[in-house]
Amino acid sequence: MERRKYPLYFVYPALVIFLIFFIVPTLSGVYYSFTDWNINADTIKFIGFDNYAALFHEPRLKTALLNTLIFAAAVTVLQNVLGIALALVMNEKLALRNLLRMVFFMPYVIAPLIIGYIFRAIYHPEHGIVNQILDAVGLDFLMQDWLNDPKYALFSVVATDLWRVAGFSMVVYLAGLQFIPKDLTESASIDGANYWSRFRHIVFPLLAPAFTVNVLLSLIGSMKVFEMVMVLTDGGPGYSTEVFNTYIRRMFSLGELGSATAANLLLFVLVTAIGVPVLMAMKKREVEL
């Protein structure tokens, strides 16, 4: 009996840390979302679903929800398209293949805050590299105030985040490509199948596990986006790039702690409601293949 319990002794410290720093704050957050907790209150009262009812009538939250869904959809689709494309190229026998892999993956290990500040300079309307290049090649009519124009601000944030995360998807797809037997693609090539046919009928179906991982991680990560939006636009101009987490931060800064906690719980429910069906659909596709 003592031998059976011995391995558990090594688990208990991790369980205690997990309980203190995750379970307890999560449960307390659920409770405080049903209270009138704010920075100016002397006492905290239980008010039921009043915070949630107020949130559903908040126009800014609807804007934040729409922007979050647009951002998540755009990043998830484009990140995986770019990731597969880069993986296919980096899987070929190139002279500088290892160096290029490192270059494409490097942005992912840089802190989003640093990337945000760098791209604020890149997008600067007068001194930014983007507009300077457009002017130099004779495309000055395409020059824009990328971060302060509501028509282009969200697009600019999406493009920046894609530059940061595409390399991660590339690495996951590269790992999947390594497990595909070369005999299959070589046999198909001998039988006359072109590159697109080999990719469509052999490579892409066998990338199903990597596809599941990438889609799920990119979807969850993009729905919880915060640092990139905060640094580049802080939800502006106006509320044109407001996402769920910037909305929650604004509520915390105003001292509306109960409502902010309720909004945070809504984000958790939203991520779960979208992420779980996507995971089940991806897993079902793997089994069918």
Protein backbone atom coordinates (compact mmCIF):
# COMPACT_ATOMS: atom_id res chain seq x y z
CA MET A 1 0.00 0.00 0.00
CA GLU A 2 2.84 2.37 0.83
CA ARG A 3 4.46 1.69 -2.55
CA ARG A 4 1.22 2.56 -4.32
CA LYS A 5 0.89 5.84 -2.44
CA TYR A 6 4.53 6.83 -2.93
CA PRO A 7 4.11 8.26 -6.49
CA LEU A 8 1.18 10.34 -5.26
CA TYR A 9 3.47 12.23 -2.89
CA PHE A 10 5.04 13.87 -5.93
CA VAL A 11 1.62 14.83 -7.29
CA TYR A 12 0.31 16.54 -4.15
CA PRO A 13 2.46 19.73 -4.43
CA ALA A 14 1.28 20.29 -8.00
CA LEU A 15 -2.33 19.68 -6.98
CA VAL A 16 -2.03 22.16 -4.10
CA ILE A 17 -0.57 24.83 -6.39
CA PHE A 18 -3.28 24.14 -9.00
CA LEU A 19 -5.97 24.37 -6.31
CA ILE A 20 -4.68 27.65 -4.87
CA PHE A 21 -3.86 29.49 -8.08
CA PHE A 22 -6.57 28.15 -10.44
CA ILE A 23 -9.52 26.39 -8.81
CA VAL A 24 -10.00 28.84 -5.92
CA PRO A 25 -9.74 32.02 -8.10
CA THR A 26 -12.06 30.46 -10.70
CA LEU A 27 -14.75 29.59 -8.17
CA SER A 28 -14.44 32.96 -6.42
CA GLY A 29 -14.70 34.69 -9.80
CA VAL A 30 -17.94 32.83 -10.52
CA TYR A 31 -19.32 34.00 -7.17
CA TYR A 32 -18.26 37.64 -7.60
CA SER A 33 -19.89 37.76 -11.04
CA PHE A 34 -23.23 37.52 -9.22
CA THR A 35 -22.46 40.44 -6.89
CA ASP A 36 -22.34 44.24 -7.09
CA TRP A 37 -18.60 44.24 -6.35
CA ASN A 38 -17.01 47.54 -7.30
CA ILE A 39 -14.07 49.59 -6.15
CA ASN A 40 -16.22 52.14 -4.29
CA ALA A 41 -18.48 49.67 -2.46
CA ASP A 42 -18.11 49.24 1.31
CA THR A 43 -19.95 45.92 1.19
CA ILE A 44 -20.53 43.31 -1.48
CA LYS A 45 -24.10 42.18 -2.10
CA PHE A 46 -25.42 39.22 -4.04
CA ILE A 47 -27.54 40.54 -6.94
CA GLY A 48 -28.16 37.40 -8.97
CA PHE A 49 -28.11 37.74 -12.76
CA ASP A 50 -28.29 41.55 -12.81
CA ASN A 51 -24.72 41.89 -14.10
CA TYR A 52 -25.42 39.50 -16.97
CA ALA A 53 -28.69 41.22 -17.84
CA ALA A 54 -26.88 44.57 -17.97
CA LEU A 55 -24.14 43.12 -20.18
CA PHE A 56 -26.60 41.84 -22.75
CA HIS A 57 -27.99 45.38 -23.08
CA GLU A 58 -24.52 46.93 -23.44
CA PRO A 59 -23.86 48.10 -27.05
CA ARG A 60 -20.09 48.10 -26.53
CA LEU A 61 -20.14 44.45 -25.55
CA LYS A 62 -21.98 43.59 -28.77
CA THR A 63 -19.29 45.46 -30.73
CA ALA A 64 -16.56 43.66 -28.79
CA LEU A 65 -18.22 40.30 -29.44
CA LEU A 66 -18.52 40.98 -33.17
CA ASN A 67 -14.91 42.15 -33.43
CA THR A 68 -13.71 39.13 -31.45
CA LEU A 69 -15.54 36.72 -33.76
CA ILE A 70 -14.28 38.49 -36.90
CA PHE A 71 -10.73 38.51 -35.57
CA ALA A 72 -10.90 34.84 -34.52
CA ALA A 73 -12.35 33.70 -37.84
CA ALA A 74 -9.82 35.66 -39.92
CA VAL A 75 -6.79 34.62 -37.88
CA THR A 76 -7.84 30.96 -37.62
CA VAL A 77 -8.39 30.57 -41.36
CA LEU A 78 -5.42 32.60 -42.58
CA GLN A 79 -3.04 31.26 -39.95
CA ASN A 80 -3.70 27.68 -41.03
CA VAL A 81 -3.53 28.51 -44.74
CA LEU A 82 -0.18 30.25 -44.28
CA GLY A 83 1.03 27.55 -41.91
CA ILE A 84 0.32 24.75 -44.40
CA ALA A 85 1.87 26.74 -47.26
CA LEU A 86 5.04 27.47 -45.28
CA ALA A 87 5.27 23.87 -44.07
CA LEU A 88 5.02 22.50 -47.60
CA VAL A 89 7.78 24.83 -48.80
CA MET A 90 10.00 24.21 -45.77
CA ASN A 91 9.56 20.45 -46.19
CA GLU A 92 11.35 20.58 -49.54
CA LYS A 93 15.10 20.18 -49.86
CA LEU A 94 16.19 23.81 -49.81
CA ALA A 95 19.73 25.07 -49.29
CA LEU A 96 18.78 27.37 -46.39
CA ARG A 97 15.86 25.29 -45.09
CA ASN A 98 16.89 25.21 -41.43
CA LEU A 99 17.68 28.93 -41.38
CA LEU A 100 14.35 29.78 -42.99
CA ARG A 101 12.48 27.59 -40.51
CA MET A 102 14.09 29.49 -37.66
CA VAL A 103 13.30 32.86 -39.27
CA PHE A 104 9.62 32.01 -39.75
CA PHE A 105 9.24 30.59 -36.23
CA MET A 106 11.15 33.37 -34.44
CA PRO A 107 8.25 35.89 -34.24
CA TYR A 108 6.26 33.41 -32.15
CA VAL A 109 8.82 33.46 -29.34
CA ILE A 110 8.86 37.27 -29.19
CA ALA A 111 6.50 38.81 -26.63
CA PRO A 112 3.30 40.17 -28.24
CA LEU A 113 3.84 43.50 -26.46
CA ILE A 114 7.21 43.97 -28.15
CA ILE A 115 5.76 43.02 -31.54
CA GLY A 116 2.93 45.47 -30.99
CA TYR A 117 5.28 48.38 -30.30
CA ILE A 118 7.41 47.47 -33.33
CA PHE A 119 4.40 47.40 -35.64
CA ARG A 120 3.10 50.69 -34.26
CA ALA A 121 6.24 52.22 -35.75
CA ILE A 122 5.85 50.19 -38.96
CA TYR A 123 2.25 51.38 -39.42
CA HIS A 124 3.01 55.04 -38.62
CA PRO A 125 1.22 57.17 -41.26
CA GLU A 126 4.23 59.43 -41.98
CA HIS A 127 7.37 57.60 -40.92
CA GLY A 128 6.21 53.97 -41.07
CA ILE A 129 7.88 51.45 -43.37
CA VAL A 130 4.59 50.35 -44.95
CA ASN A 131 3.66 53.77 -46.29
CA GLN A 132 7.25 54.56 -47.24
CA ILE A 133 7.47 51.40 -49.35
CA LEU A 134 4.12 52.12 -51.01
CA ASP A 135 5.29 55.64 -51.82
CA ALA A 136 8.63 54.42 -53.14
CA VAL A 137 7.06 51.95 -55.60
CA GLY A 138 4.52 54.45 -56.89
CA LEU A 139 1.53 53.12 -54.92
CA ASP A 140 1.12 56.24 -52.81
CA PHE A 141 -2.65 56.14 -53.38
CA LEU A 142 -2.71 53.04 -51.12
CA MET A 143 -1.09 54.87 -48.21
CA GLN A 144 -3.34 54.88 -45.15
CA ASP A 145 -3.38 55.72 -41.47
CA TRP A 146 -3.48 52.00 -40.74
CA LEU A 147 -4.17 52.10 -37.01
CA ASN A 148 -6.33 55.23 -36.76
CA ASP A 149 -8.73 54.59 -39.63
CA PRO A 150 -11.71 52.41 -38.55
CA LYS A 151 -11.78 50.77 -42.00
CA TYR A 152 -8.24 49.41 -41.71
CA ALA A 153 -7.47 49.20 -37.98
CA LEU A 154 -8.84 45.70 -37.36
CA PHE A 155 -7.27 44.46 -40.60
CA SER A 156 -3.90 45.81 -39.45
CA VAL A 157 -4.18 44.01 -36.11
CA VAL A 158 -5.10 40.75 -37.87
CA ALA A 159 -2.12 41.08 -40.24
CA THR A 160 0.24 41.71 -37.32
CA ASP A 161 -1.01 38.70 -35.38
CA LEU A 162 -0.71 36.52 -38.47
CA TRP A 163 2.93 37.51 -38.82
CA ARG A 164 3.47 36.44 -35.22
CA VAL A 165 1.67 33.06 -35.17
CA ALA A 166 2.04 31.66 -38.71
CA GLY A 167 5.43 30.15 -37.84
CA PHE A 168 3.93 28.14 -34.98
CA SER A 169 1.37 26.54 -37.30
CA MET A 170 4.18 25.85 -39.77
CA VAL A 171 6.10 23.86 -37.14
CA VAL A 172 3.05 21.76 -36.21
CA TYR A 173 2.30 20.99 -39.86
CA LEU A 174 5.97 20.21 -40.49
CA ALA A 175 5.83 17.64 -37.70
CA GLY A 176 2.76 16.11 -39.35
CA LEU A 177 4.46 16.01 -42.75
CA GLN A 178 7.38 14.04 -41.30
CA PHE A 179 5.05 11.15 -40.45
CA ILE A 180 3.61 10.83 -43.97
CA PRO A 181 5.32 7.90 -45.75
CA LYS A 182 7.14 9.13 -48.83
CA ASP A 183 6.20 5.90 -50.60
CA LEU A 184 2.60 7.10 -50.87
CA THR A 185 3.40 10.38 -52.62
CA GLU A 186 6.09 8.78 -54.79
CA SER A 187 3.69 6.04 -55.92
CA ALA A 188 1.03 8.62 -56.73
CA SER A 189 3.58 10.67 -58.68
CA ILE A 190 4.58 7.61 -60.70
CA ASP A 191 0.90 6.97 -61.44
CA GLY A 192 0.65 10.46 -62.94
CA ALA A 193 -0.87 12.46 -60.06
CA ASN A 194 0.18 16.11 -60.10
CA TYR A 195 1.25 18.08 -57.02
CA TRP A 196 -2.26 19.39 -56.24
CA SER A 197 -3.81 15.91 -56.54
CA ARG A 198 -1.16 14.43 -54.23
CA PHE A 199 -1.75 17.18 -51.69
CA ARG A 200 -5.54 16.94 -51.85
CA HIS A 201 -5.92 13.16 -51.72
CA ILE A 202 -2.87 12.06 -49.72
CA VAL A 203 -1.06 14.81 -47.82
CA PHE A 204 -3.97 16.88 -46.50
CA PRO A 205 -6.03 13.90 -45.22
CA LEU A 206 -3.00 12.53 -43.39
CA LEU A 207 -2.42 15.96 -41.80
CA ALA A 208 -5.75 15.66 -39.96
CA PRO A 209 -4.24 15.39 -36.41
CA ALA A 210 -1.98 18.42 -37.01
CA PHE A 211 -4.91 20.29 -38.55
CA THR A 212 -7.02 19.60 -35.45
CA VAL A 213 -4.32 20.89 -33.10
CA ASN A 214 -3.66 24.02 -35.14
CA VAL A 215 -7.29 24.96 -35.69
CA LEU A 216 -8.20 24.51 -32.04
CA LEU A 217 -5.18 26.38 -30.67
CA SER A 218 -5.50 29.25 -33.13
CA LEU A 219 -9.24 29.55 -32.50
CA ILE A 220 -8.91 29.65 -28.71
CA GLY A 221 -5.87 31.93 -28.79
CA SER A 222 -7.44 34.42 -31.19
CA MET A 223 -10.68 34.60 -29.20
CA LYS A 224 -8.65 35.52 -26.12
CA VAL A 225 -6.57 38.15 -27.93
CA PHE A 226 -5.58 41.08 -25.74
CA GLU A 227 -1.97 42.29 -25.83
CA MET A 228 -1.80 42.89 -29.57
CA VAL A 229 -5.00 44.94 -29.64
CA MET A 230 -4.12 46.84 -26.48
CA VAL A 231 -0.70 47.93 -27.76
CA LEU A 232 -1.67 48.67 -31.38
CA THR A 233 -5.04 50.39 -30.97
CA ASP A 234 -6.29 49.96 -27.38
CA GLY A 235 -9.68 49.14 -28.89
CA GLY A 236 -9.81 52.28 -31.01
CA PRO A 237 -10.34 54.34 -33.00
CA GLY A 238 -13.58 54.65 -31.09
CA TYR A 239 -14.52 51.04 -30.45
CA SER A 240 -13.78 49.75 -33.95
CA THR A 241 -11.19 47.22 -32.69
CA GLU A 242 -12.66 46.60 -29.24
CA VAL A 243 -12.46 42.90 -28.36
CA PHE A 244 -13.74 41.00 -25.34
CA ASN A 245 -10.57 41.29 -23.26
CA THR A 246 -10.05 45.01 -23.90
CA TYR A 247 -13.68 45.56 -22.92
CA ILE A 248 -13.09 43.60 -19.70
CA ARG A 249 -9.95 45.65 -18.97
CA ARG A 250 -11.88 48.89 -19.39
CA MET A 251 -14.50 47.70 -16.89
CA PHE A 252 -11.83 46.74 -14.38
CA SER A 253 -10.17 50.15 -14.80
CA LEU A 254 -13.51 51.81 -14.07
CA GLY A 255 -13.85 49.79 -10.88
CA GLU A 256 -16.84 47.75 -12.07
CA LEU A 257 -15.31 44.53 -10.81
CA GLY A 258 -18.49 42.45 -10.58
CA SER A 259 -19.56 43.27 -14.12
CA ALA A 260 -16.03 42.72 -15.43
CA THR A 261 -15.90 39.30 -13.79
CA ALA A 262 -19.27 38.46 -15.34
CA ALA A 263 -17.96 39.49 -18.77
CA ASN A 264 -14.89 37.32 -18.22
CA LEU A 265 -17.13 34.36 -17.42
CA LEU A 266 -19.12 35.05 -20.58
CA LEU A 267 -15.89 34.88 -22.58
CA PHE A 268 -15.11 31.51 -21.00
CA VAL A 269 -18.57 30.22 -21.95
CA LEU A 270 -18.17 31.59 -25.50
CA VAL A 271 -14.76 29.96 -26.00
CA THR A 272 -16.10 26.66 -24.64
CA ALA A 273 -19.29 26.81 -26.72
CA ILE A 274 -17.29 27.30 -29.91
CA GLY A 275 -14.18 25.29 -29.08
CA VAL A 276 -15.82 22.04 -27.97
CA PRO A 277 -17.99 21.54 -31.11
CA VAL A 278 -15.00 22.42 -33.30
CA LEU A 279 -12.86 19.86 -31.46
CA MET A 280 -15.54 17.19 -31.78
CA ALA A 281 -15.96 17.91 -35.50
CA MET A 282 -12.21 17.76 -36.09
CA LYS A 283 -11.88 14.52 -34.14
CA LYS A 284 -14.77 12.97 -36.08
CA ARG A 285 -13.06 13.96 -39.32
CA GLU A 286 -9.87 12.19 -38.17
CA VAL A 287 -11.81 8.97 -37.50
CA GLU A 288 -13.61 9.12 -40.83
CA LEU A 289 -10.34 9.60 -42.68
